[in-house]
């Protein structure tokens, strides 16, 4: 599956609905941060290799969506940040340099 950008708060409903069927990847990125760019590149590499539902949100451009994710999942905002969402709950998250192809792979195997 290709990456899908979340542009509206309503787009989160798709993520949460899918998360009731299987774990879903959700990535928050800053388009102005080099660490975020590196982490997003790792995320893209993972998605290209795997057949997973994968979503992302640009935190500066779509701040209401980013804020809603924080409120819904109860995990303090960081950027970059990745979640595995299952049954509308964050079952795993990582940020900054902890976002790697290997960390995502291992977390999904455990989810």
N, C-alpha and C. Protein backbone atom coordinates (compact mmCIF):
# COMPACT_ATOMS: atom_id res chain seq x y z
N UNK A 1 0.84 -1.19 0.00
CA UNK A 1 0.00 0.00 0.00
C UNK A 1 0.88 1.24 0.00
N UNK A 2 0.46 2.23 -0.70
CA UNK A 2 1.19 3.49 -0.70
C UNK A 2 0.88 4.28 0.58
N UNK A 3 1.71 5.23 0.86
CA UNK A 3 1.46 6.11 1.99
C UNK A 3 0.27 7.02 1.71
N UNK A 4 -0.54 7.24 2.70
CA UNK A 4 -1.67 8.15 2.56
C UNK A 4 -1.51 9.28 3.56
N UNK A 5 -1.56 10.51 3.07
CA UNK A 5 -1.44 11.68 3.94
C UNK A 5 -2.80 12.01 4.55
N UNK A 6 -2.80 12.28 5.84
CA UNK A 6 -4.01 12.70 6.54
C UNK A 6 -4.09 14.23 6.49
N UNK A 7 -5.13 14.73 5.87
CA UNK A 7 -5.27 16.18 5.69
C UNK A 7 -6.36 16.78 6.57
N UNK A 8 -7.31 15.97 6.98
CA UNK A 8 -8.44 16.43 7.78
C UNK A 8 -8.61 15.52 8.99
N UNK A 9 -9.19 16.04 10.05
CA UNK A 9 -9.46 15.22 11.23
C UNK A 9 -10.32 14.02 10.86
N UNK A 10 -11.25 14.20 9.93
CA UNK A 10 -12.09 13.08 9.49
C UNK A 10 -11.28 11.94 8.90
N UNK A 11 -10.11 12.24 8.32
CA UNK A 11 -9.26 11.19 7.75
C UNK A 11 -8.79 10.21 8.83
N UNK A 12 -8.73 10.67 10.07
CA UNK A 12 -8.32 9.78 11.15
C UNK A 12 -9.30 8.63 11.34
N UNK A 13 -10.56 8.86 10.99
CA UNK A 13 -11.56 7.79 11.15
C UNK A 13 -11.20 6.57 10.31
N UNK A 14 -10.63 6.79 9.13
CA UNK A 14 -10.18 5.67 8.30
C UNK A 14 -9.08 4.88 9.01
N UNK A 15 -8.15 5.62 9.62
CA UNK A 15 -7.07 4.97 10.36
C UNK A 15 -7.65 4.13 11.49
N UNK A 16 -8.55 4.71 12.27
CA UNK A 16 -9.10 4.02 13.42
C UNK A 16 -9.98 2.84 13.00
N UNK A 17 -10.73 2.98 11.92
CA UNK A 17 -11.56 1.87 11.43
C UNK A 17 -10.68 0.71 10.98
N UNK A 18 -9.64 1.01 10.24
CA UNK A 18 -8.72 -0.03 9.79
C UNK A 18 -8.01 -0.68 10.97
N UNK A 19 -7.71 0.10 12.00
CA UNK A 19 -6.98 -0.43 13.16
C UNK A 19 -7.81 -1.45 13.94
N UNK A 20 -9.10 -1.51 13.69
CA UNK A 20 -9.93 -2.53 14.34
C UNK A 20 -9.78 -3.88 13.66
N UNK A 21 -9.28 -3.86 12.41
CA UNK A 21 -9.06 -5.09 11.64
C UNK A 21 -7.62 -5.59 11.74
N UNK A 22 -6.67 -4.64 11.79
CA UNK A 22 -5.25 -5.00 11.83
C UNK A 22 -4.44 -3.77 12.28
N UNK A 23 -3.21 -3.99 12.72
CA UNK A 23 -2.38 -2.87 13.13
C UNK A 23 -2.11 -1.91 11.96
N UNK A 24 -2.07 -0.62 12.26
CA UNK A 24 -1.88 0.42 11.26
C UNK A 24 -0.70 1.30 11.67
N UNK A 25 0.11 1.67 10.70
CA UNK A 25 1.24 2.58 10.94
C UNK A 25 0.80 4.02 10.72
N UNK A 26 1.20 4.89 11.64
CA UNK A 26 0.88 6.31 11.56
C UNK A 26 2.13 7.11 11.93
N UNK A 27 2.54 8.00 11.03
CA UNK A 27 3.79 8.75 11.19
C UNK A 27 3.49 10.24 11.23
N UNK A 28 4.08 10.94 12.20
CA UNK A 28 3.97 12.40 12.28
C UNK A 28 5.34 12.98 11.94
N UNK A 29 5.36 13.92 10.99
CA UNK A 29 6.63 14.48 10.57
C UNK A 29 6.59 16.00 10.49
N UNK A 30 7.75 16.57 10.72
CA UNK A 30 7.96 17.99 10.48
C UNK A 30 8.68 18.13 9.15
N UNK A 31 8.14 18.95 8.29
CA UNK A 31 8.76 19.12 6.97
C UNK A 31 9.97 20.06 7.01
N UNK A 32 10.29 20.60 8.18
CA UNK A 32 11.44 21.51 8.29
C UNK A 32 12.58 20.95 9.10
N UNK A 33 12.47 19.72 9.55
CA UNK A 33 13.47 19.13 10.45
C UNK A 33 14.26 18.03 9.74
N UNK A 34 15.59 18.11 9.73
CA UNK A 34 16.38 17.08 9.08
C UNK A 34 16.27 15.70 9.76
N UNK A 35 16.10 15.66 11.06
CA UNK A 35 15.91 14.38 11.75
C UNK A 35 14.60 13.75 11.29
N UNK A 36 13.57 14.58 11.17
CA UNK A 36 12.27 14.10 10.69
C UNK A 36 12.39 13.58 9.26
N UNK A 37 13.12 14.27 8.43
CA UNK A 37 13.30 13.83 7.04
C UNK A 37 13.98 12.47 6.99
N UNK A 38 14.98 12.26 7.82
CA UNK A 38 15.69 10.98 7.86
C UNK A 38 14.76 9.87 8.35
N UNK A 39 13.99 10.13 9.39
CA UNK A 39 13.06 9.14 9.92
C UNK A 39 11.96 8.82 8.91
N UNK A 40 11.49 9.85 8.21
CA UNK A 40 10.44 9.62 7.20
C UNK A 40 10.99 8.78 6.06
N UNK A 41 12.24 8.97 5.71
CA UNK A 41 12.87 8.15 4.67
C UNK A 41 12.89 6.68 5.10
N UNK A 42 13.24 6.42 6.35
CA UNK A 42 13.22 5.04 6.86
C UNK A 42 11.81 4.47 6.81
N UNK A 43 10.83 5.28 7.18
CA UNK A 43 9.42 4.87 7.12
C UNK A 43 9.02 4.52 5.69
N UNK A 44 9.40 5.37 4.75
CA UNK A 44 9.08 5.10 3.34
C UNK A 44 9.74 3.80 2.87
N UNK A 45 10.98 3.57 3.27
CA UNK A 45 11.66 2.33 2.90
C UNK A 45 10.91 1.12 3.44
N UNK A 46 10.47 1.21 4.69
CA UNK A 46 9.72 0.11 5.28
C UNK A 46 8.44 -0.14 4.50
N UNK A 47 7.69 0.91 4.22
CA UNK A 47 6.40 0.78 3.53
C UNK A 47 6.58 0.19 2.14
N UNK A 48 7.65 0.57 1.45
CA UNK A 48 7.91 0.02 0.12
C UNK A 48 8.11 -1.49 0.16
N UNK A 49 8.70 -2.00 1.22
CA UNK A 49 9.00 -3.43 1.33
C UNK A 49 7.83 -4.24 1.89
N UNK A 50 7.02 -3.60 2.71
CA UNK A 50 5.95 -4.32 3.41
C UNK A 50 4.61 -4.01 2.78
N UNK A 51 3.66 -4.87 3.05
CA UNK A 51 2.30 -4.64 2.58
C UNK A 51 1.46 -4.23 3.79
N UNK A 52 1.68 -3.02 4.25
CA UNK A 52 1.02 -2.53 5.46
C UNK A 52 0.22 -1.27 5.15
N UNK A 53 -0.83 -1.07 5.92
CA UNK A 53 -1.54 0.20 5.85
C UNK A 53 -0.66 1.25 6.49
N UNK A 54 -0.42 2.35 5.79
CA UNK A 54 0.53 3.34 6.26
C UNK A 54 0.03 4.75 5.99
N UNK A 55 0.08 5.55 7.01
CA UNK A 55 -0.44 6.92 6.95
C UNK A 55 0.60 7.87 7.52
N UNK A 56 0.48 9.14 7.14
CA UNK A 56 1.35 10.16 7.73
C UNK A 56 0.63 11.49 7.79
N UNK A 57 1.13 12.34 8.67
CA UNK A 57 0.61 13.70 8.81
C UNK A 57 1.79 14.65 8.94
N UNK A 58 1.68 15.77 8.25
CA UNK A 58 2.68 16.83 8.36
C UNK A 58 2.22 17.74 9.50
N UNK A 59 3.02 17.78 10.58
CA UNK A 59 2.55 18.43 11.80
C UNK A 59 2.38 19.94 11.67
N UNK A 60 3.19 20.60 10.89
CA UNK A 60 3.06 22.05 10.75
C UNK A 60 1.91 22.43 9.83
N UNK A 61 1.79 21.72 8.74
CA UNK A 61 0.78 22.06 7.74
C UNK A 61 -0.63 21.64 8.17
N UNK A 62 -0.71 20.59 8.95
CA UNK A 62 -2.03 20.10 9.38
C UNK A 62 -2.03 19.90 10.90
N UNK A 63 -1.74 20.98 11.60
CA UNK A 63 -1.64 20.94 13.07
C UNK A 63 -2.90 20.40 13.75
N UNK A 64 -4.12 20.75 13.29
CA UNK A 64 -5.30 20.18 13.97
C UNK A 64 -5.32 18.65 13.94
N UNK A 65 -4.88 18.05 12.84
CA UNK A 65 -4.83 16.59 12.75
C UNK A 65 -3.78 16.05 13.73
N UNK A 66 -2.62 16.67 13.75
CA UNK A 66 -1.56 16.26 14.66
C UNK A 66 -2.03 16.35 16.12
N UNK A 67 -2.68 17.45 16.46
CA UNK A 67 -3.17 17.63 17.83
C UNK A 67 -4.24 16.59 18.17
N UNK A 68 -5.07 16.24 17.20
CA UNK A 68 -6.12 15.25 17.45
C UNK A 68 -5.52 13.87 17.69
N UNK A 69 -4.47 13.55 16.98
CA UNK A 69 -3.78 12.27 17.20
C UNK A 69 -3.27 12.21 18.64
N UNK A 70 -2.64 13.28 19.09
CA UNK A 70 -2.14 13.33 20.47
C UNK A 70 -3.28 13.13 21.46
N UNK A 71 -4.39 13.82 21.23
CA UNK A 71 -5.54 13.71 22.13
C UNK A 71 -6.14 12.30 22.10
N UNK A 72 -6.30 11.75 20.92
CA UNK A 72 -6.93 10.43 20.78
C UNK A 72 -6.07 9.31 21.34
N UNK A 73 -4.77 9.37 21.07
CA UNK A 73 -3.89 8.27 21.45
C UNK A 73 -3.27 8.45 22.83
N UNK A 74 -3.33 9.67 23.37
CA UNK A 74 -2.82 9.91 24.71
C UNK A 74 -1.31 9.82 24.82
N UNK A 75 -0.61 10.10 23.71
CA UNK A 75 0.85 10.07 23.71
C UNK A 75 1.33 11.49 23.39
N UNK A 76 2.20 12.02 24.25
CA UNK A 76 2.69 13.39 24.07
C UNK A 76 3.33 13.55 22.70
N UNK A 77 3.01 14.67 22.06
CA UNK A 77 3.51 14.97 20.72
C UNK A 77 5.03 15.08 20.70
N UNK A 78 5.60 14.47 19.67
CA UNK A 78 6.99 14.66 19.30
C UNK A 78 7.03 14.63 17.78
N UNK A 79 8.09 15.11 17.22
CA UNK A 79 8.24 15.05 15.77
C UNK A 79 9.71 14.90 15.44
N UNK A 80 10.03 13.86 14.70
CA UNK A 80 9.16 12.85 14.11
C UNK A 80 8.68 11.85 15.17
N UNK A 81 7.57 11.21 14.85
CA UNK A 81 6.98 10.24 15.77
C UNK A 81 6.21 9.21 14.95
N UNK A 82 6.29 7.96 15.36
CA UNK A 82 5.58 6.89 14.67
C UNK A 82 4.77 6.09 15.69
N UNK A 83 3.62 5.62 15.25
CA UNK A 83 2.75 4.80 16.09
C UNK A 83 2.36 3.54 15.34
N UNK A 84 2.12 2.49 16.09
CA UNK A 84 1.32 1.37 15.60
C UNK A 84 0.01 1.50 16.35
N UNK A 85 -1.07 1.63 15.57
CA UNK A 85 -2.40 1.81 16.13
C UNK A 85 -3.18 0.51 15.94
N UNK A 86 -3.73 0.03 17.04
CA UNK A 86 -4.53 -1.20 17.01
C UNK A 86 -5.76 -0.95 17.88
N UNK A 87 -6.93 -1.18 17.31
CA UNK A 87 -8.19 -0.92 18.03
C UNK A 87 -8.24 0.50 18.58
N UNK A 88 -7.83 1.46 17.77
CA UNK A 88 -7.83 2.89 18.09
C UNK A 88 -6.98 3.25 19.30
N UNK A 89 -5.94 2.45 19.53
CA UNK A 89 -5.02 2.71 20.63
C UNK A 89 -3.59 2.56 20.12
N UNK A 90 -2.70 3.37 20.68
CA UNK A 90 -1.28 3.26 20.34
C UNK A 90 -0.70 2.08 21.12
N UNK A 91 -0.31 1.03 20.40
CA UNK A 91 0.28 -0.13 21.06
C UNK A 91 1.81 -0.05 21.03
N UNK A 92 2.34 0.89 20.25
CA UNK A 92 3.79 1.14 20.18
C UNK A 92 3.99 2.52 19.60
N UNK A 93 5.04 3.19 20.07
CA UNK A 93 5.43 4.45 19.44
C UNK A 93 6.92 4.65 19.64
N UNK A 94 7.48 5.43 18.75
CA UNK A 94 8.90 5.77 18.81
C UNK A 94 9.06 7.16 18.22
N UNK A 95 10.19 7.77 18.52
CA UNK A 95 10.44 9.11 17.96
C UNK A 95 11.92 9.27 17.62
N UNK A 96 12.17 10.29 16.85
CA UNK A 96 13.51 10.71 16.46
C UNK A 96 14.35 9.57 15.90
N UNK A 97 15.54 9.37 16.46
CA UNK A 97 16.48 8.39 15.91
C UNK A 97 16.08 6.94 16.19
N UNK A 98 15.05 6.74 17.00
CA UNK A 98 14.57 5.38 17.26
C UNK A 98 13.68 4.85 16.14
N UNK A 99 13.40 5.69 15.15
CA UNK A 99 12.58 5.28 14.01
C UNK A 99 13.50 4.75 12.92
N UNK A 100 13.52 3.43 12.79
CA UNK A 100 14.34 2.77 11.78
C UNK A 100 13.51 1.67 11.13
N UNK A 101 13.96 1.19 10.01
CA UNK A 101 13.28 0.07 9.36
C UNK A 101 13.22 -1.11 10.32
N UNK A 102 14.32 -1.39 11.01
CA UNK A 102 14.36 -2.52 11.94
C UNK A 102 13.42 -2.33 13.12
N UNK A 103 13.36 -1.12 13.69
CA UNK A 103 12.47 -0.91 14.84
C UNK A 103 11.01 -1.06 14.44
N UNK A 104 10.65 -0.58 13.26
CA UNK A 104 9.28 -0.72 12.78
C UNK A 104 8.95 -2.19 12.54
N UNK A 105 9.88 -2.90 11.91
CA UNK A 105 9.68 -4.33 11.61
C UNK A 105 9.47 -5.11 12.91
N UNK A 106 10.33 -4.90 13.89
CA UNK A 106 10.23 -5.62 15.16
C UNK A 106 8.93 -5.28 15.88
N UNK A 107 8.56 -4.02 15.88
CA UNK A 107 7.34 -3.61 16.58
C UNK A 107 6.10 -4.22 15.93
N UNK A 108 6.06 -4.27 14.62
CA UNK A 108 4.91 -4.87 13.94
C UNK A 108 4.83 -6.37 14.19
N UNK A 109 5.97 -7.03 14.28
CA UNK A 109 5.97 -8.46 14.56
C UNK A 109 5.38 -8.73 15.95
N UNK A 110 5.64 -7.83 16.89
CA UNK A 110 5.12 -7.99 18.26
C UNK A 110 3.66 -7.55 18.38
N UNK A 111 3.23 -6.65 17.50
CA UNK A 111 1.84 -6.15 17.56
C UNK A 111 0.94 -7.20 17.03
